[in-house]
Amino acid sequence: MGDGHRRAPWWIAAGAATLLAAAWGRLNPTCSLLVHELLDHPVVLGLAGYLLLAWGMSSIARDPQRRLVVRVLLAALGATAFGLVGVVLSVGVNPGRDELVLPAPAEAGVEAYEADIVSDGDLVSPLTTVVVRHRGWGLSARWWPAACINGEYAGGTMTSARWTGPTELVVVLDGGREVAVSVEPATAEPREVVRLGRRCGAASSTG
């Protein structure tokens, strides 16, 4: 019991560090591709961090009965919270989900990059997201959100996409509308994030 009590601060510190890593991966202020791939897993890292924190907090109690009560309460709270998260995440998973990866035209002296286009397959309010990312895995590799298109307001779901050149990607919707995404030629960073529709945080638009 004494060892567990003494180790409690280490468990708590490890849990806090894991939660901070999950938050950093989600926010990713530097748009690092490595950070995105390694740390942008909020459910997995959040659960791990919570378990570490819960174990550390329960270890603080010296009395075995109190420790058991604390662990049961924390386990129930954690199961409820992550169960709700799972339900929310499952709402956006549809059989019609589609993904398209399009390498950009190569340019001399510029690190290769590609567009990753995902349509969520929602029949009521379809959502298409576009990400531009470097194809390499070095420390300088970057990952940028480039477009969010809510088909309910923007004119339909994605039917095709193409690069018209190294600096412009065009997404074609089934209503015939074309949405252009422009990127900087030297870095591949989007010049502006395109947001169409309420699910993307923009006012509804059909024009």
C-alpha atoms as a PDB file:
ATOM      1  CA  MET A   1       0.000   0.000   0.000  1.00  0.00           C
ATOM      2  CA  GLY A   2       2.859   2.334   0.795  1.00  0.00           C
ATOM      3  CA  ASP A   3       4.475   1.842  -2.623  1.00  0.00           C
ATOM      4  CA  GLY A   4       1.184   2.514  -4.402  1.00  0.00           C
ATOM      5  CA  HIS A   5       0.674   5.715  -2.413  1.00  0.00           C
ATOM      6  CA  ARG A   6       4.199   6.910  -3.208  1.00  0.00           C
ATOM      7  CA  ARG A   7       3.780   6.145  -6.915  1.00  0.00           C
ATOM      8  CA  ALA A   8       0.472   7.995  -7.170  1.00  0.00           C
ATOM      9  CA  PRO A   9       2.061  11.317  -8.261  1.00  0.00           C
ATOM     10  CA  TRP A  10       3.891   9.497 -11.067  1.00  0.00           C
ATOM     11  CA  TRP A  11       0.674   7.898 -12.328  1.00  0.00           C
ATOM     12  CA  ILE A  12      -1.080  11.270 -12.217  1.00  0.00           C
ATOM     13  CA  ALA A  13       1.813  12.977 -14.010  1.00  0.00           C
ATOM     14  CA  ALA A  14       1.832  10.277 -16.700  1.00  0.00           C
ATOM     15  CA  GLY A  15      -1.923  10.642 -17.171  1.00  0.00           C
ATOM     16  CA  ALA A  16      -1.700  14.417 -17.428  1.00  0.00           C
ATOM     17  CA  ALA A  17       1.162  14.141 -19.937  1.00  0.00           C
ATOM     18  CA  THR A  18      -0.855  11.702 -22.053  1.00  0.00           C
ATOM     19  CA  LEU A  19      -3.877  14.016 -22.073  1.00  0.00           C
ATOM     20  CA  LEU A  20      -1.660  16.971 -23.012  1.00  0.00           C
ATOM     21  CA  ALA A  21      -0.175  14.921 -25.857  1.00  0.00           C
ATOM     22  CA  ALA A  22      -3.691  14.108 -27.076  1.00  0.00           C
ATOM     23  CA  ALA A  23      -4.649  17.787 -26.955  1.00  0.00           C
ATOM     24  CA  TRP A  24      -1.458  18.783 -28.812  1.00  0.00           C
ATOM     25  CA  GLY A  25      -2.134  16.164 -31.466  1.00  0.00           C
ATOM     26  CA  ARG A  26      -5.693  17.389 -31.922  1.00  0.00           C
ATOM     27  CA  LEU A  27      -4.807  21.086 -32.104  1.00  0.00           C
ATOM     28  CA  ASN A  28      -1.540  20.527 -34.010  1.00  0.00           C
ATOM     29  CA  PRO A  29      -0.687  24.247 -34.274  1.00  0.00           C
ATOM     30  CA  THR A  30       2.380  23.543 -36.439  1.00  0.00           C
ATOM     31  CA  CYS A  31       0.392  21.332 -38.886  1.00  0.00           C
ATOM     32  CA  SER A  32       3.071  18.640 -38.511  1.00  0.00           C
ATOM     33  CA  LEU A  33       2.280  15.437 -40.403  1.00  0.00           C
ATOM     34  CA  LEU A  34       4.124  13.343 -37.805  1.00  0.00           C
ATOM     35  CA  VAL A  35       2.191  14.929 -34.940  1.00  0.00           C
ATOM     36  CA  HIS A  36      -1.061  14.300 -36.806  1.00  0.00           C
ATOM     37  CA  GLU A  37      -0.309  10.637 -37.479  1.00  0.00           C
ATOM     38  CA  LEU A  38       1.159   9.829 -34.053  1.00  0.00           C
ATOM     39  CA  LEU A  39      -0.875  11.948 -31.645  1.00  0.00           C
ATOM     40  CA  ASP A  40      -4.189  12.826 -33.296  1.00  0.00           C
ATOM     41  CA  HIS A  41      -6.005   9.905 -31.666  1.00  0.00           C
ATOM     42  CA  PRO A  42      -8.107  11.634 -28.994  1.00  0.00           C
ATOM     43  CA  VAL A  43     -10.199   8.619 -27.995  1.00  0.00           C
ATOM     44  CA  VAL A  44      -7.285   6.203 -27.542  1.00  0.00           C
ATOM     45  CA  LEU A  45      -4.948   8.684 -25.858  1.00  0.00           C
ATOM     46  CA  GLY A  46      -7.802  10.226 -23.880  1.00  0.00           C
ATOM     47  CA  LEU A  47      -8.798   6.824 -22.508  1.00  0.00           C
ATOM     48  CA  ALA A  48      -5.182   5.975 -21.652  1.00  0.00           C
ATOM     49  CA  GLY A  49      -4.684   9.324 -19.923  1.00  0.00           C
ATOM     50  CA  TYR A  50      -7.918   8.974 -17.985  1.00  0.00           C
ATOM     51  CA  LEU A  51      -7.019   5.472 -16.788  1.00  0.00           C
ATOM     52  CA  LEU A  52      -3.592   6.649 -15.622  1.00  0.00           C
ATOM     53  CA  LEU A  53      -5.114   9.611 -13.799  1.00  0.00           C
ATOM     54  CA  ALA A  54      -7.816   7.441 -12.247  1.00  0.00           C
ATOM     55  CA  TRP A  55      -5.289   4.885 -11.035  1.00  0.00           C
ATOM     56  CA  GLY A  56      -3.094   7.594  -9.555  1.00  0.00           C
ATOM     57  CA  MET A  57      -5.978   9.337  -7.822  1.00  0.00           C
ATOM     58  CA  SER A  58      -7.302   6.083  -6.391  1.00  0.00           C
ATOM     59  CA  SER A  59      -3.828   5.192  -5.119  1.00  0.00           C
ATOM     60  CA  ILE A  60      -3.787   8.333  -2.983  1.00  0.00           C
ATOM     61  CA  ALA A  61      -6.419   6.830  -0.672  1.00  0.00           C
ATOM     62  CA  ARG A  62      -4.676   4.790   2.024  1.00  0.00           C
ATOM     63  CA  ASP A  63      -7.755   2.905   3.183  1.00  0.00           C
ATOM     64  CA  PRO A  64      -8.464  -0.128   0.912  1.00  0.00           C
ATOM     65  CA  GLN A  65     -12.234   0.363   1.076  1.00  0.00           C
ATOM     66  CA  ARG A  66     -12.027   4.025   0.137  1.00  0.00           C
ATOM     67  CA  ARG A  67      -9.627   3.178  -2.645  1.00  0.00           C
ATOM     68  CA  LEU A  68     -12.083   0.612  -4.025  1.00  0.00           C
ATOM     69  CA  VAL A  69     -14.966   3.095  -3.884  1.00  0.00           C
ATOM     70  CA  VAL A  70     -12.911   5.738  -5.700  1.00  0.00           C
ATOM     71  CA  ARG A  71     -11.905   3.269  -8.409  1.00  0.00           C
ATOM     72  CA  VAL A  72     -15.486   2.102  -8.952  1.00  0.00           C
ATOM     73  CA  LEU A  73     -16.757   5.676  -9.223  1.00  0.00           C
ATOM     74  CA  LEU A  74     -13.975   6.702 -11.601  1.00  0.00           C
ATOM     75  CA  ALA A  75     -14.498   3.582 -13.715  1.00  0.00           C
ATOM     76  CA  ALA A  76     -18.238   4.285 -13.977  1.00  0.00           C
ATOM     77  CA  LEU A  77     -17.624   7.913 -14.887  1.00  0.00           C
ATOM     78  CA  GLY A  78     -15.025   6.977 -17.485  1.00  0.00           C
ATOM     79  CA  ALA A  79     -17.192   4.267 -19.039  1.00  0.00           C
ATOM     80  CA  THR A  80     -20.101   6.692 -19.337  1.00  0.00           C
ATOM     81  CA  ALA A  81     -18.004   9.471 -20.849  1.00  0.00           C
ATOM     82  CA  PHE A  82     -16.219   7.304 -23.401  1.00  0.00           C
ATOM     83  CA  GLY A  83     -19.444   5.467 -24.217  1.00  0.00           C
ATOM     84  CA  LEU A  84     -21.030   8.786 -25.147  1.00  0.00           C
ATOM     85  CA  VAL A  85     -17.981   9.690 -27.235  1.00  0.00           C
ATOM     86  CA  GLY A  86     -18.252   6.358 -29.042  1.00  0.00           C
ATOM     87  CA  VAL A  87     -21.921   6.978 -29.824  1.00  0.00           C
ATOM     88  CA  VAL A  88     -21.157  10.442 -31.192  1.00  0.00           C
ATOM     89  CA  LEU A  89     -18.327   9.135 -33.363  1.00  0.00           C
ATOM     90  CA  SER A  90     -20.386   6.239 -34.691  1.00  0.00           C
ATOM     91  CA  VAL A  91     -23.061   8.635 -35.937  1.00  0.00           C
ATOM     92  CA  GLY A  92     -20.675   9.900 -38.624  1.00  0.00           C
ATOM     93  CA  VAL A  93     -19.632   6.430 -39.854  1.00  0.00           C
ATOM     94  CA  ASN A  94     -21.539   5.440 -42.988  1.00  0.00           C
ATOM     95  CA  PRO A  95     -21.225   2.499 -45.407  1.00  0.00           C
ATOM     96  CA  GLY A  96     -21.019   4.973 -48.289  1.00  0.00           C
ATOM     97  CA  ARG A  97     -17.810   6.588 -47.025  1.00  0.00           C
ATOM     98  CA  ASP A  98     -15.366   7.197 -49.861  1.00  0.00           C
ATOM     99  CA  GLU A  99     -11.739   8.326 -49.936  1.00  0.00           C
ATOM    100  CA  LEU A 100      -9.639   9.542 -52.842  1.00  0.00           C
ATOM    101  CA  VAL A 101      -5.911  10.343 -52.751  1.00  0.00           C
ATOM    102  CA  LEU A 102      -4.589  12.462 -55.620  1.00  0.00           C
ATOM    103  CA  PRO A 103      -0.844  13.189 -55.948  1.00  0.00           C
ATOM    104  CA  ALA A 104      -0.210  16.724 -57.169  1.00  0.00           C
ATOM    105  CA  PRO A 105       1.771  17.315 -60.382  1.00  0.00           C
ATOM    106  CA  ALA A 106       5.477  17.140 -59.592  1.00  0.00           C
ATOM    107  CA  GLU A 107       7.528  20.324 -59.538  1.00  0.00           C
ATOM    108  CA  ALA A 108      11.307  20.568 -59.532  1.00  0.00           C
ATOM    109  CA  GLY A 109      12.670  21.647 -56.171  1.00  0.00           C
ATOM    110  CA  VAL A 110       9.336  21.276 -54.372  1.00  0.00           C
ATOM    111  CA  GLU A 111       8.586  18.478 -51.901  1.00  0.00           C
ATOM    112  CA  ALA A 112       5.947  16.109 -53.326  1.00  0.00           C
ATOM    113  CA  TYR A 113       2.449  16.528 -51.936  1.00  0.00           C
ATOM    114  CA  GLU A 114      -1.041  15.104 -52.423  1.00  0.00           C
ATOM    115  CA  ALA A 115      -4.695  15.745 -51.690  1.00  0.00           C
ATOM    116  CA  ASP A 116      -6.646  13.372 -49.445  1.00  0.00           C
ATOM    117  CA  ILE A 117     -10.372  13.778 -50.141  1.00  0.00           C
ATOM    118  CA  VAL A 118     -12.931  12.028 -47.933  1.00  0.00           C
ATOM    119  CA  SER A 119     -16.722  11.924 -48.364  1.00  0.00           C
ATOM    120  CA  ASP A 120     -18.515  10.671 -45.254  1.00  0.00           C
ATOM    121  CA  GLY A 121     -21.425   9.087 -47.152  1.00  0.00           C
ATOM    122  CA  ASP A 122     -24.125  10.740 -45.063  1.00  0.00           C
ATOM    123  CA  LEU A 123     -27.397  10.533 -47.019  1.00  0.00           C
ATOM    124  CA  VAL A 124     -29.015  13.516 -45.297  1.00  0.00           C
ATOM    125  CA  SER A 125     -26.205  16.046 -44.968  1.00  0.00           C
ATOM    126  CA  PRO A 126     -23.111  14.714 -46.795  1.00  0.00           C
ATOM    127  CA  LEU A 127     -19.723  16.112 -45.885  1.00  0.00           C
ATOM    128  CA  THR A 128     -16.572  16.168 -48.003  1.00  0.00           C
ATOM    129  CA  THR A 129     -13.239  17.162 -46.476  1.00  0.00           C
ATOM    130  CA  VAL A 130     -10.003  17.914 -48.308  1.00  0.00           C
ATOM    131  CA  VAL A 131      -6.544  17.724 -46.766  1.00  0.00           C
ATOM    132  CA  VAL A 132      -3.284  18.619 -48.509  1.00  0.00           C
ATOM    133  CA  ARG A 133      -0.209  16.876 -47.133  1.00  0.00           C
ATOM    134  CA  HIS A 134       3.389  16.159 -48.010  1.00  0.00           C
ATOM    135  CA  ARG A 135       4.076  12.645 -49.234  1.00  0.00           C
ATOM    136  CA  GLY A 136       7.299  12.275 -47.242  1.00  0.00           C
ATOM    137  CA  TRP A 137       7.658  11.572 -43.522  1.00  0.00           C
ATOM    138  CA  GLY A 138      10.415  13.968 -42.518  1.00  0.00           C
ATOM    139  CA  LEU A 139      10.273  16.442 -39.657  1.00  0.00           C
ATOM    140  CA  SER A 140       9.400  19.180 -42.142  1.00  0.00           C
ATOM    141  CA  ALA A 141       6.399  17.280 -43.588  1.00  0.00           C
ATOM    142  CA  ARG A 142       3.148  19.164 -43.122  1.00  0.00           C
ATOM    143  CA  TRP A 143      -0.585  18.395 -43.146  1.00  0.00           C
ATOM    144  CA  TRP A 144      -3.164  21.104 -43.835  1.00  0.00           C
ATOM    145  CA  PRO A 145      -6.978  21.106 -43.836  1.00  0.00           C
ATOM    146  CA  ALA A 146      -7.870  22.668 -47.196  1.00  0.00           C
ATOM    147  CA  ALA A 147     -11.634  22.415 -47.665  1.00  0.00           C
ATOM    148  CA  CYS A 148     -14.865  21.364 -45.989  1.00  0.00           C
ATOM    149  CA  ILE A 149     -17.925  20.997 -48.213  1.00  0.00           C
ATOM    150  CA  ASN A 150     -21.366  20.288 -46.762  1.00  0.00           C
ATOM    151  CA  GLY A 151     -23.210  18.842 -49.755  1.00  0.00           C
ATOM    152  CA  GLU A 152     -26.640  19.670 -48.348  1.00  0.00           C
ATOM    153  CA  TYR A 153     -25.916  23.343 -48.956  1.00  0.00           C
ATOM    154  CA  ALA A 154     -23.056  23.310 -51.473  1.00  0.00           C
ATOM    155  CA  GLY A 155     -24.735  21.351 -54.263  1.00  0.00           C
ATOM    156  CA  GLY A 156     -24.262  17.626 -53.659  1.00  0.00           C
ATOM    157  CA  THR A 157     -21.593  15.078 -52.853  1.00  0.00           C
ATOM    158  CA  MET A 158     -18.214  14.682 -54.531  1.00  0.00           C
ATOM    159  CA  THR A 159     -18.202  12.778 -57.820  1.00  0.00           C
ATOM    160  CA  SER A 160     -14.619  13.456 -58.915  1.00  0.00           C
ATOM    161  CA  ALA A 161     -11.587  15.637 -58.310  1.00  0.00           C
ATOM    162  CA  ARG A 162      -8.547  16.686 -60.305  1.00  0.00           C
ATOM    163  CA  TRP A 163      -5.466  18.846 -60.141  1.00  0.00           C
ATOM    164  CA  THR A 164      -5.598  21.501 -62.859  1.00  0.00           C
ATOM    165  CA  GLY A 165      -1.991  22.346 -62.060  1.00  0.00           C
ATOM    166  CA  PRO A 166       0.475  22.257 -59.159  1.00  0.00           C
ATOM    167  CA  THR A 167      -1.388  25.033 -57.355  1.00  0.00           C
ATOM    168  CA  GLU A 168      -5.073  24.243 -57.874  1.00  0.00           C
ATOM    169  CA  LEU A 169      -7.308  21.308 -57.017  1.00  0.00           C
ATOM    170  CA  VAL A 170     -10.895  21.156 -58.300  1.00  0.00           C
ATOM    171  CA  VAL A 171     -13.571  19.079 -56.536  1.00  0.00           C
ATOM    172  CA  VAL A 172     -16.617  18.291 -58.689  1.00  0.00           C
ATOM    173  CA  LEU A 173     -19.972  17.779 -56.947  1.00  0.00           C
ATOM    174  CA  ASP A 174     -22.813  15.688 -58.314  1.00  0.00           C
ATOM    175  CA  GLY A 175     -24.887  18.824 -58.819  1.00  0.00           C
ATOM    176  CA  GLY A 176     -22.311  20.006 -61.358  1.00  0.00           C
ATOM    177  CA  ARG A 177     -20.698  22.582 -59.097  1.00  0.00           C
ATOM    178  CA  GLU A 178     -16.902  22.816 -59.076  1.00  0.00           C
ATOM    179  CA  VAL A 179     -15.079  23.905 -55.934  1.00  0.00           C
ATOM    180  CA  ALA A 180     -11.515  25.148 -56.402  1.00  0.00           C
ATOM    181  CA  VAL A 181      -8.826  24.830 -53.723  1.00  0.00           C
ATOM    182  CA  SER A 182      -5.659  26.879 -54.239  1.00  0.00           C
ATOM    183  CA  VAL A 183      -2.295  26.088 -52.631  1.00  0.00           C
ATOM    184  CA  GLU A 184       1.027  27.886 -52.410  1.00  0.00           C
ATOM    185  CA  PRO A 185       3.401  26.526 -55.075  1.00  0.00           C
ATOM    186  CA  ALA A 186       6.483  26.456 -52.847  1.00  0.00           C
ATOM    187  CA  THR A 187       4.995  24.875 -49.713  1.00  0.00           C
ATOM    188  CA  ALA A 188       1.645  23.271 -50.736  1.00  0.00           C
ATOM    189  CA  GLU A 189      -0.071  25.167 -47.916  1.00  0.00           C
ATOM    190  CA  PRO A 190      -3.657  26.124 -48.843  1.00  0.00           C
ATOM    191  CA  ARG A 191      -4.011  29.823 -49.514  1.00  0.00           C
ATOM    192  CA  GLU A 192      -7.436  29.774 -47.879  1.00  0.00           C
ATOM    193  CA  VAL A 193      -9.503  27.038 -46.262  1.00  0.00           C
ATOM    194  CA  VAL A 194     -12.747  26.631 -48.220  1.00  0.00           C
ATOM    195  CA  ARG A 195     -15.794  26.173 -45.971  1.00  0.00           C
ATOM    196  CA  LEU A 196     -19.245  25.637 -47.477  1.00  0.00           C
ATOM    197  CA  GLY A 197     -22.293  24.748 -45.398  1.00  0.00           C
ATOM    198  CA  ARG A 198     -23.305  24.698 -41.759  1.00  0.00           C
ATOM    199  CA  ARG A 199     -21.512  21.467 -40.832  1.00  0.00           C
ATOM    200  CA  CYS A 200     -18.295  23.192 -41.877  1.00  0.00           C
ATOM    201  CA  GLY A 201     -18.903  26.213 -39.690  1.00  0.00           C
ATOM    202  CA  ALA A 202     -20.007  28.464 -42.560  1.00  0.00           C
ATOM    203  CA  ALA A 203     -23.340  30.005 -43.380  1.00  0.00           C
ATOM    204  CA  SER A 204     -25.526  27.911 -45.669  1.00  0.00           C
ATOM    205  CA  SER A 205     -24.834  28.547 -49.323  1.00  0.00           C
ATOM    206  CA  THR A 206     -26.202  27.208 -52.538  1.00  0.00           C
ATOM    207  CA  GLY A 207     -24.650  29.672 -54.874  1.00  0.00           C
END
